[in-house]
Amino acid sequence: MSGFEVQIGQLRNAAEAAGSAADQARVVVPGAGLEEIATALPGGVAASRAPTLASTFNERAKGWADEIDRWSTSVTSAAKAYSDSDDSAKLAFGK
C-alpha cells in the first residue's frame, strides 16, 4: 500500500518546541552592549555604525522569533487538521 503516515504527536511536539524557541529568542537582545563600541573606539567608523549594528541584530532576532512562532502556529494547525480528519474517519467506520 502506498501513501504516507503522519505522526500527529510529533507534529505537536515540534510546534511546541518551536513556540518555546520563539519565546526564548524574544528575551535575547543580541545587540546589547554594542553601543559601547562608540565609547571604546571614539571617532572611528565602528563607533558611528555600532548603533545601527545593535539595532539590526535586535530586529533580526525579533524577526526570527516572529517567523518561528508563525511556523509553530502553522504546524499546530496542521496537526489539528490531521487529528480532526482521523477522528472523522474513525466515526465513519464506527470505531
PDB file of N, CA and C in Angstrom:
ATOM      1  N   MET A   1       0.834  -1.171   0.000  1.00  0.00           N
ATOM      2  CA  MET A   1       0.000   0.000   0.000  1.00  0.00           C
ATOM      3  C   MET A   1       0.887   1.245   0.000  1.00  0.00           C
ATOM      4  N   SER A   2       0.605   2.183  -0.860  1.00  0.00           N
ATOM      5  CA  SER A   2       1.397   3.409  -0.911  1.00  0.00           C
ATOM      6  C   SER A   2       0.695   4.501  -0.116  1.00  0.00           C
ATOM      7  N   GLY A   3       1.413   5.568   0.136  1.00  0.00           N
ATOM      8  CA  GLY A   3       0.845   6.681   0.884  1.00  0.00           C
ATOM      9  C   GLY A   3       1.830   7.198   1.915  1.00  0.00           C
ATOM     10  N   PHE A   4       1.275   7.837   2.907  1.00  0.00           N
ATOM     11  CA  PHE A   4       2.126   8.374   3.956  1.00  0.00           C
ATOM     12  C   PHE A   4       1.380   8.317   5.274  1.00  0.00           C
ATOM     13  N   GLU A   5       2.131   8.428   6.330  1.00  0.00           N
ATOM     14  CA  GLU A   5       1.559   8.409   7.665  1.00  0.00           C
ATOM     15  C   GLU A   5       2.102   9.618   8.414  1.00  0.00           C
ATOM     16  N   VAL A   6       1.222  10.282   9.104  1.00  0.00           N
ATOM     17  CA  VAL A   6       1.620  11.460   9.868  1.00  0.00           C
ATOM     18  C   VAL A   6       1.629  11.113  11.348  1.00  0.00           C
ATOM     19  N   GLN A   7       2.711  11.441  12.002  1.00  0.00           N
ATOM     20  CA  GLN A   7       2.801  11.260  13.445  1.00  0.00           C
ATOM     21  C   GLN A   7       2.331  12.568  14.094  1.00  0.00           C
ATOM     22  N   ILE A   8       1.058  12.609  14.423  1.00  0.00           N
ATOM     23  CA  ILE A   8       0.451  13.844  14.923  1.00  0.00           C
ATOM     24  C   ILE A   8       1.139  14.315  16.210  1.00  0.00           C
ATOM     25  N   GLY A   9       1.465  13.379  17.078  1.00  0.00           N
ATOM     26  CA  GLY A   9       2.147  13.752  18.319  1.00  0.00           C
ATOM     27  C   GLY A   9       3.488  14.419  18.058  1.00  0.00           C
ATOM     28  N   GLN A  10       4.198  13.929  17.048  1.00  0.00           N
ATOM     29  CA  GLN A  10       5.486  14.527  16.714  1.00  0.00           C
ATOM     30  C   GLN A  10       5.305  15.932  16.137  1.00  0.00           C
ATOM     31  N   LEU A  11       4.249  16.115  15.360  1.00  0.00           N
ATOM     32  CA  LEU A  11       3.953  17.462  14.857  1.00  0.00           C
ATOM     33  C   LEU A  11       3.688  18.414  16.017  1.00  0.00           C
ATOM     34  N   ARG A  12       2.879  17.947  16.962  1.00  0.00           N
ATOM     35  CA  ARG A  12       2.580  18.795  18.132  1.00  0.00           C
ATOM     36  C   ARG A  12       3.848  19.094  18.930  1.00  0.00           C
ATOM     37  N   ASN A  13       4.703  18.095  19.100  1.00  0.00           N
ATOM     38  CA  ASN A  13       5.959  18.315  19.823  1.00  0.00           C
ATOM     39  C   ASN A  13       6.845  19.331  19.106  1.00  0.00           C
ATOM     40  N   ALA A  14       6.918  19.220  17.785  1.00  0.00           N
ATOM     41  CA  ALA A  14       7.729  20.160  17.005  1.00  0.00           C
ATOM     42  C   ALA A  14       7.175  21.576  17.121  1.00  0.00           C
ATOM     43  N   ALA A  15       5.857  21.697  17.061  1.00  0.00           N
ATOM     44  CA  ALA A  15       5.227  23.015  17.180  1.00  0.00           C
ATOM     45  C   ALA A  15       5.487  23.613  18.560  1.00  0.00           C
ATOM     46  N   GLU A  16       5.392  22.784  19.585  1.00  0.00           N
ATOM     47  CA  GLU A  16       5.636  23.259  20.941  1.00  0.00           C
ATOM     48  C   GLU A  16       7.096  23.700  21.118  1.00  0.00           C
ATOM     49  N   ALA A  17       8.016  22.915  20.576  1.00  0.00           N
ATOM     50  CA  ALA A  17       9.438  23.267  20.668  1.00  0.00           C
ATOM     51  C   ALA A  17       9.721  24.577  19.931  1.00  0.00           C
ATOM     52  N   ALA A  18       9.103  24.748  18.775  1.00  0.00           N
ATOM     53  CA  ALA A  18       9.297  25.989  18.018  1.00  0.00           C
ATOM     54  C   ALA A  18       8.725  27.179  18.777  1.00  0.00           C
ATOM     55  N   GLY A  19       7.565  27.001  19.377  1.00  0.00           N
ATOM     56  CA  GLY A  19       6.978  28.077  20.174  1.00  0.00           C
ATOM     57  C   GLY A  19       7.869  28.447  21.347  1.00  0.00           C
ATOM     58  N   SER A  20       8.450  27.439  21.981  1.00  0.00           N
ATOM     59  CA  SER A  20       9.370  27.681  23.092  1.00  0.00           C
ATOM     60  C   SER A  20      10.612  28.426  22.614  1.00  0.00           C
ATOM     61  N   ALA A  21      11.129  28.029  21.461  1.00  0.00           N
ATOM     62  CA  ALA A  21      12.308  28.708  20.903  1.00  0.00           C
ATOM     63  C   ALA A  21      11.989  30.172  20.618  1.00  0.00           C
ATOM     64  N   ALA A  22      10.803  30.433  20.089  1.00  0.00           N
ATOM     65  CA  ALA A  22      10.406  31.811  19.807  1.00  0.00           C
ATOM     66  C   ALA A  22      10.325  32.616  21.101  1.00  0.00           C
ATOM     67  N   ASP A  23       9.717  32.033  22.135  1.00  0.00           N
ATOM     68  CA  ASP A  23       9.605  32.723  23.423  1.00  0.00           C
ATOM     69  C   ASP A  23      10.986  33.041  23.995  1.00  0.00           C
ATOM     70  N   GLN A  24      11.896  32.075  23.894  1.00  0.00           N
ATOM     71  CA  GLN A  24      13.252  32.281  24.412  1.00  0.00           C
ATOM     72  C   GLN A  24      14.003  33.329  23.598  1.00  0.00           C
ATOM     73  N   ALA A  25      13.805  33.330  22.298  1.00  0.00           N
ATOM     74  CA  ALA A  25      14.504  34.288  21.438  1.00  0.00           C
ATOM     75  C   ALA A  25      14.021  35.715  21.683  1.00  0.00           C
ATOM     76  N   ARG A  26      12.776  35.861  22.082  1.00  0.00           N
ATOM     77  CA  ARG A  26      12.233  37.206  22.305  1.00  0.00           C
ATOM     78  C   ARG A  26      12.900  37.918  23.480  1.00  0.00           C
ATOM     79  N   VAL A  27      13.449  37.185  24.421  1.00  0.00           N
ATOM     80  CA  VAL A  27      14.079  37.832  25.574  1.00  0.00           C
ATOM     81  C   VAL A  27      15.574  38.071  25.365  1.00  0.00           C
ATOM     82  N   VAL A  28      16.111  37.549  24.286  1.00  0.00           N
ATOM     83  CA  VAL A  28      17.527  37.762  23.976  1.00  0.00           C
ATOM     84  C   VAL A  28      17.670  39.079  23.214  1.00  0.00           C
ATOM     85  N   VAL A  29      18.636  39.851  23.608  1.00  0.00           N
ATOM     86  CA  VAL A  29      18.902  41.128  22.936  1.00  0.00           C
ATOM     87  C   VAL A  29      20.337  41.059  22.415  1.00  0.00           C
ATOM     88  N   PRO A  30      20.508  40.508  21.210  1.00  0.00           N
ATOM     89  CA  PRO A  30      21.875  40.280  20.713  1.00  0.00           C
ATOM     90  C   PRO A  30      22.674  41.552  20.486  1.00  0.00           C
ATOM     91  N   GLY A  31      22.004  42.674  20.356  1.00  0.00           N
ATOM     92  CA  GLY A  31      22.725  43.926  20.141  1.00  0.00           C
ATOM     93  C   GLY A  31      23.108  44.634  21.427  1.00  0.00           C
ATOM     94  N   ALA A  32      22.731  44.050  22.570  1.00  0.00           N
ATOM     95  CA  ALA A  32      23.047  44.691  23.847  1.00  0.00           C
ATOM     96  C   ALA A  32      24.556  44.876  23.997  1.00  0.00           C
ATOM     97  N   GLY A  33      24.930  46.035  24.377  1.00  0.00           N
ATOM     98  CA  GLY A  33      26.337  46.316  24.620  1.00  0.00           C
ATOM     99  C   GLY A  33      27.097  46.847  23.421  1.00  0.00           C
ATOM    100  N   LEU A  34      26.531  46.672  22.231  1.00  0.00           N
ATOM    101  CA  LEU A  34      27.265  47.132  21.048  1.00  0.00           C
ATOM    102  C   LEU A  34      27.380  48.653  20.984  1.00  0.00           C
ATOM    103  N   GLU A  35      26.462  49.348  21.647  1.00  0.00           N
ATOM    104  CA  GLU A  35      26.549  50.813  21.666  1.00  0.00           C
ATOM    105  C   GLU A  35      27.840  51.269  22.350  1.00  0.00           C
ATOM    106  N   GLU A  36      28.392  50.417  23.215  1.00  0.00           N
ATOM    107  CA  GLU A  36      29.617  50.764  23.940  1.00  0.00           C
ATOM    108  C   GLU A  36      30.843  50.816  23.037  1.00  0.00           C
ATOM    109  N   ILE A  37      30.702  50.327  21.826  1.00  0.00           N
ATOM    110  CA  ILE A  37      31.811  50.423  20.868  1.00  0.00           C
ATOM    111  C   ILE A  37      32.169  51.889  20.648  1.00  0.00           C
ATOM    112  N   ALA A  38      31.148  52.742  20.634  1.00  0.00           N
ATOM    113  CA  ALA A  38      31.396  54.172  20.415  1.00  0.00           C
ATOM    114  C   ALA A  38      32.284  54.746  21.512  1.00  0.00           C
ATOM    115  N   THR A  39      32.094  54.291  22.745  1.00  0.00           N
ATOM    116  CA  THR A  39      32.931  54.753  23.857  1.00  0.00           C
ATOM    117  C   THR A  39      34.333  54.160  23.751  1.00  0.00           C
ATOM    118  N   ALA A  40      34.391  52.902  23.377  1.00  0.00           N
ATOM    119  CA  ALA A  40      35.685  52.219  23.312  1.00  0.00           C
ATOM    120  C   ALA A  40      36.536  52.691  22.141  1.00  0.00           C
ATOM    121  N   LEU A  41      35.890  53.039  21.046  1.00  0.00           N
ATOM    122  CA  LEU A  41      36.609  53.447  19.835  1.00  0.00           C
ATOM    123  C   LEU A  41      36.060  54.779  19.323  1.00  0.00           C
ATOM    124  N   PRO A  42      36.189  55.830  20.090  1.00  0.00           N
ATOM    125  CA  PRO A  42      35.592  57.114  19.682  1.00  0.00           C
ATOM    126  C   PRO A  42      36.162  57.628  18.360  1.00  0.00           C
ATOM    127  N   GLY A  43      35.256  58.150  17.564  1.00  0.00           N
ATOM    128  CA  GLY A  43      35.661  58.771  16.312  1.00  0.00           C
ATOM    129  C   GLY A  43      35.870  57.822  15.154  1.00  0.00           C
ATOM    130  N   GLY A  44      35.858  56.544  15.407  1.00  0.00           N
ATOM    131  CA  GLY A  44      36.077  55.584  14.330  1.00  0.00           C
ATOM    132  C   GLY A  44      34.795  55.241  13.594  1.00  0.00           C
ATOM    133  N   VAL A  45      34.958  54.597  12.458  1.00  0.00           N
ATOM    134  CA  VAL A  45      33.809  54.149  11.671  1.00  0.00           C
ATOM    135  C   VAL A  45      32.976  53.156  12.472  1.00  0.00           C
ATOM    136  N   ALA A  46      33.649  52.271  13.202  1.00  0.00           N
ATOM    137  CA  ALA A  46      32.934  51.280  14.018  1.00  0.00           C
ATOM    138  C   ALA A  46      32.047  51.980  15.038  1.00  0.00           C
ATOM    139  N   ALA A  47      32.536  53.054  15.615  1.00  0.00           N
ATOM    140  CA  ALA A  47      31.771  53.793  16.623  1.00  0.00           C
ATOM    141  C   ALA A  47      30.498  54.375  16.013  1.00  0.00           C
ATOM    142  N   SER A  48      30.604  54.905  14.835  1.00  0.00           N
ATOM    143  CA  SER A  48      29.424  55.523  14.215  1.00  0.00           C
ATOM    144  C   SER A  48      28.410  54.492  13.723  1.00  0.00           C
ATOM    145  N   ARG A  49      28.870  53.290  13.471  1.00  0.00           N
ATOM    146  CA  ARG A  49      27.967  52.260  12.951  1.00  0.00           C
ATOM    147  C   ARG A  49      27.458  51.303  14.020  1.00  0.00           C
ATOM    148  N   ALA A  50      27.997  51.385  15.204  1.00  0.00           N
ATOM    149  CA  ALA A  50      27.598  50.476  16.289  1.00  0.00           C
ATOM    150  C   ALA A  50      26.094  50.524  16.585  1.00  0.00           C
ATOM    151  N   PRO A  51      25.475  51.701  16.673  1.00  0.00           N
ATOM    152  CA  PRO A  51      24.039  51.723  16.949  1.00  0.00           C
ATOM    153  C   PRO A  51      23.213  51.029  15.861  1.00  0.00           C
ATOM    154  N   THR A  52      23.618  51.187  14.625  1.00  0.00           N
ATOM    155  CA  THR A  52      22.906  50.520  13.530  1.00  0.00           C
ATOM    156  C   THR A  52      23.091  49.012  13.614  1.00  0.00           C
ATOM    157  N   LEU A  53      24.286  48.581  13.939  1.00  0.00           N
ATOM    158  CA  LEU A  53      24.555  47.157  14.088  1.00  0.00           C
ATOM    159  C   LEU A  53      23.716  46.576  15.224  1.00  0.00           C
ATOM    160  N   ALA A  54      23.675  47.255  16.349  1.00  0.00           N
ATOM    161  CA  ALA A  54      22.885  46.793  17.501  1.00  0.00           C
ATOM    162  C   ALA A  54      21.414  46.704  17.125  1.00  0.00           C
ATOM    163  N   SER A  55      20.917  47.721  16.484  1.00  0.00           N
ATOM    164  CA  SER A  55      19.507  47.741  16.071  1.00  0.00           C
ATOM    165  C   SER A  55      19.199  46.619  15.085  1.00  0.00           C
ATOM    166  N   THR A  56      20.098  46.409  14.149  1.00  0.00           N
ATOM    167  CA  THR A  56      19.907  45.349  13.151  1.00  0.00           C
ATOM    168  C   THR A  56      19.897  43.974  13.807  1.00  0.00           C
ATOM    169  N   PHE A  57      20.838  43.733  14.702  1.00  0.00           N
ATOM    170  CA  PHE A  57      20.857  42.446  15.420  1.00  0.00           C
ATOM    171  C   PHE A  57      19.543  42.233  16.164  1.00  0.00           C
ATOM    172  N   ASN A  58      19.090  43.262  16.861  1.00  0.00           N
ATOM    173  CA  ASN A  58      17.855  43.142  17.647  1.00  0.00           C
ATOM    174  C   ASN A  58      16.634  42.914  16.755  1.00  0.00           C
ATOM    175  N   GLU A  59      16.555  43.637  15.655  1.00  0.00           N
ATOM    176  CA  GLU A  59      15.425  43.481  14.729  1.00  0.00           C
ATOM    177  C   GLU A  59      15.420  42.092  14.089  1.00  0.00           C
ATOM    178  N   ARG A  60      16.577  41.599  13.718  1.00  0.00           N
ATOM    179  CA  ARG A  60      16.654  40.273  13.095  1.00  0.00           C
ATOM    180  C   ARG A  60      16.287  39.171  14.084  1.00  0.00           C
ATOM    181  N   ALA A  61      16.700  39.318  15.322  1.00  0.00           N
ATOM    182  CA  ALA A  61      16.340  38.329  16.345  1.00  0.00           C
ATOM    183  C   ALA A  61      14.825  38.328  16.550  1.00  0.00           C
ATOM    184  N   LYS A  62      14.231  39.507  16.610  1.00  0.00           N
ATOM    185  CA  LYS A  62      12.780  39.602  16.762  1.00  0.00           C
ATOM    186  C   LYS A  62      12.081  39.015  15.540  1.00  0.00           C
ATOM    187  N   GLY A  63      12.597  39.317  14.370  1.00  0.00           N
ATOM    188  CA  GLY A  63      12.022  38.773  13.136  1.00  0.00           C
ATOM    189  C   GLY A  63      12.080  37.256  13.106  1.00  0.00           C
ATOM    190  N   TRP A  64      13.204  36.690  13.536  1.00  0.00           N
ATOM    191  CA  TRP A  64      13.326  35.233  13.583  1.00  0.00           C
ATOM    192  C   TRP A  64      12.328  34.656  14.566  1.00  0.00           C
ATOM    193  N   ALA A  65      12.193  35.274  15.734  1.00  0.00           N
ATOM    194  CA  ALA A  65      11.249  34.788  16.743  1.00  0.00           C
ATOM    195  C   ALA A  65       9.825  34.823  16.193  1.00  0.00           C
ATOM    196  N   ASP A  66       9.473  35.904  15.515  1.00  0.00           N
ATOM    197  CA  ASP A  66       8.130  36.011  14.932  1.00  0.00           C
ATOM    198  C   ASP A  66       7.909  34.947  13.854  1.00  0.00           C
ATOM    199  N   GLU A  67       8.934  34.719  13.041  1.00  0.00           N
ATOM    200  CA  GLU A  67       8.818  33.736  11.962  1.00  0.00           C
ATOM    201  C   GLU A  67       8.664  32.310  12.509  1.00  0.00           C
ATOM    202  N   ILE A  68       9.459  31.956  13.497  1.00  0.00           N
ATOM    203  CA  ILE A  68       9.370  30.607  14.052  1.00  0.00           C
ATOM    204  C   ILE A  68       8.063  30.438  14.811  1.00  0.00           C
ATOM    205  N   ASP A  69       7.550  31.525  15.381  1.00  0.00           N
ATOM    206  CA  ASP A  69       6.251  31.468  16.052  1.00  0.00           C
ATOM    207  C   ASP A  69       5.135  31.224  15.036  1.00  0.00           C
ATOM    208  N   ARG A  70       5.204  31.877  13.886  1.00  0.00           N
ATOM    209  CA  ARG A  70       4.214  31.629  12.823  1.00  0.00           C
ATOM    210  C   ARG A  70       4.295  30.189  12.337  1.00  0.00           C
ATOM    211  N   TRP A  71       5.518  29.662  12.225  1.00  0.00           N
ATOM    212  CA  TRP A  71       5.693  28.268  11.813  1.00  0.00           C
ATOM    213  C   TRP A  71       5.073  27.344  12.847  1.00  0.00           C
ATOM    214  N   SER A  72       5.281  27.627  14.116  1.00  0.00           N
ATOM    215  CA  SER A  72       4.695  26.842  15.199  1.00  0.00           C
ATOM    216  C   SER A  72       3.174  26.826  15.092  1.00  0.00           C
ATOM    217  N   THR A  73       2.588  27.975  14.853  1.00  0.00           N
ATOM    218  CA  THR A  73       1.133  28.077  14.699  1.00  0.00           C
ATOM    219  C   THR A  73       0.659  27.266  13.507  1.00  0.00           C
ATOM    220  N   SER A  74       1.397  27.326  12.420  1.00  0.00           N
ATOM    221  CA  SER A  74       1.042  26.582  11.213  1.00  0.00           C
ATOM    222  C   SER A  74       1.100  25.071  11.446  1.00  0.00           C
ATOM    223  N   VAL A  75       2.153  24.614  12.119  1.00  0.00           N
ATOM    224  CA  VAL A  75       2.290  23.176  12.393  1.00  0.00           C
ATOM    225  C   VAL A  75       1.201  22.719  13.369  1.00  0.00           C
ATOM    226  N   THR A  76       0.891  23.551  14.350  1.00  0.00           N
ATOM    227  CA  THR A  76      -0.200  23.228  15.284  1.00  0.00           C
ATOM    228  C   THR A  76      -1.508  23.073  14.524  1.00  0.00           C
ATOM    229  N   SER A  77      -1.749  23.968  13.590  1.00  0.00           N
ATOM    230  CA  SER A  77      -2.959  23.911  12.774  1.00  0.00           C
ATOM    231  C   SER A  77      -2.993  22.645  11.921  1.00  0.00           C
ATOM    232  N   ALA A  78      -1.849  22.282  11.341  1.00  0.00           N
ATOM    233  CA  ALA A  78      -1.784  21.058  10.531  1.00  0.00           C
ATOM    234  C   ALA A  78      -2.040  19.827  11.396  1.00  0.00           C
ATOM    235  N   ALA A  79      -1.467  19.800  12.596  1.00  0.00           N
ATOM    236  CA  ALA A  79      -1.691  18.668  13.496  1.00  0.00           C
ATOM    237  C   ALA A  79      -3.158  18.550  13.851  1.00  0.00           C
ATOM    238  N   LYS A  80      -3.810  19.675  14.086  1.00  0.00           N
ATOM    239  CA  LYS A  80      -5.240  19.656  14.402  1.00  0.00           C
ATOM    240  C   LYS A  80      -6.051  19.146  13.212  1.00  0.00           C
ATOM    241  N   ALA A  81      -5.689  19.599  12.022  1.00  0.00           N
ATOM    242  CA  ALA A  81      -6.408  19.149  10.827  1.00  0.00           C
ATOM    243  C   ALA A  81      -6.258  17.638  10.637  1.00  0.00           C
ATOM    244  N   TYR A  82      -5.044  17.119  10.813  1.00  0.00           N
ATOM    245  CA  TYR A  82      -4.836  15.672  10.701  1.00  0.00           C
ATOM    246  C   TYR A  82      -5.629  14.923  11.763  1.00  0.00           C
ATOM    247  N   SER A  83      -5.615  15.437  12.984  1.00  0.00           N
ATOM    248  CA  SER A  83      -6.333  14.802  14.083  1.00  0.00           C
ATOM    249  C   SER A  83      -7.843  14.802  13.818  1.00  0.00           C
ATOM    250  N   ASP A  84      -8.351  15.932  13.351  1.00  0.00           N
ATOM    251  CA  ASP A  84      -9.783  16.021  13.026  1.00  0.00           C
ATOM    252  C   ASP A  84     -10.152  15.047  11.916  1.00  0.00           C
ATOM    253  N   SER A  85      -9.270  14.933  10.924  1.00  0.00           N
ATOM    254  CA  SER A  85      -9.511  14.013   9.822  1.00  0.00           C
ATOM    255  C   SER A  85      -9.530  12.569  10.312  1.00  0.00           C
ATOM    256  N   ASP A  86      -8.581  12.242  11.182  1.00  0.00           N
ATOM    257  CA  ASP A  86      -8.550  10.889  11.763  1.00  0.00           C
ATOM    258  C   ASP A  86      -9.828  10.608  12.556  1.00  0.00           C
ATOM    259  N   ASP A  87     -10.260  11.588  13.342  1.00  0.00           N
ATOM    260  CA  ASP A  87     -11.476  11.420  14.142  1.00  0.00           C
ATOM    261  C   ASP A  87     -12.691  11.205  13.235  1.00  0.00           C
ATOM    262  N   SER A  88     -12.757  11.963  12.146  1.00  0.00           N
ATOM    263  CA  SER A  88     -13.866  11.815  11.201  1.00  0.00           C
ATOM    264  C   SER A  88     -13.867  10.429  10.566  1.00  0.00           C
ATOM    265  N   ALA A  89     -12.669   9.934  10.209  1.00  0.00           N
ATOM    266  CA  ALA A  89     -12.564   8.612   9.605  1.00  0.00           C
ATOM    267  C   ALA A  89     -12.986   7.530  10.600  1.00  0.00           C
ATOM    268  N   LYS A  90     -12.604   7.676  11.854  1.00  0.00           N
ATOM    269  CA  LYS A  90     -12.998   6.718  12.872  1.00  0.00           C
ATOM    270  C   LYS A  90     -14.521   6.673  13.034  1.00  0.00           C
ATOM    271  N   LEU A  91     -15.136   7.863  13.033  1.00  0.00           N
ATOM    272  CA  LEU A  91     -16.589   7.934  13.137  1.00  0.00           C
ATOM    273  C   LEU A  91     -17.263   7.287  11.926  1.00  0.00           C
ATOM    274  N   ALA A  92     -16.704   7.516  10.764  1.00  0.00           N
ATOM    275  CA  ALA A  92     -17.286   6.999   9.524  1.00  0.00           C
ATOM    276  C   ALA A  92     -17.242   5.472   9.496  1.00  0.00           C
ATOM    277  N   PHE A  93     -16.232   4.903  10.121  1.00  0.00           N
ATOM    278  CA  PHE A  93     -16.087   3.451  10.118  1.00  0.00           C
ATOM    279  C   PHE A  93     -16.536   2.821  11.435  1.00  0.00           C
ATOM    280  N   GLY A  94     -17.183   3.616  12.288  1.00  0.00           N
ATOM    281  CA  GLY A  94     -17.745   3.095  13.514  1.00  0.00           C
ATOM    282  C   GLY A  94     -16.734   2.671  14.546  1.00  0.00           C
ATOM    283  N   LYS A  95     -15.606   3.334  14.608  1.00  0.00           N
ATOM    284  CA  LYS A  95     -14.585   2.969  15.612  1.00  0.00           C
ATOM    285  C   LYS A  95     -14.462   4.031  16.659  1.00  0.00           C
TER     286      LYS A  95
END
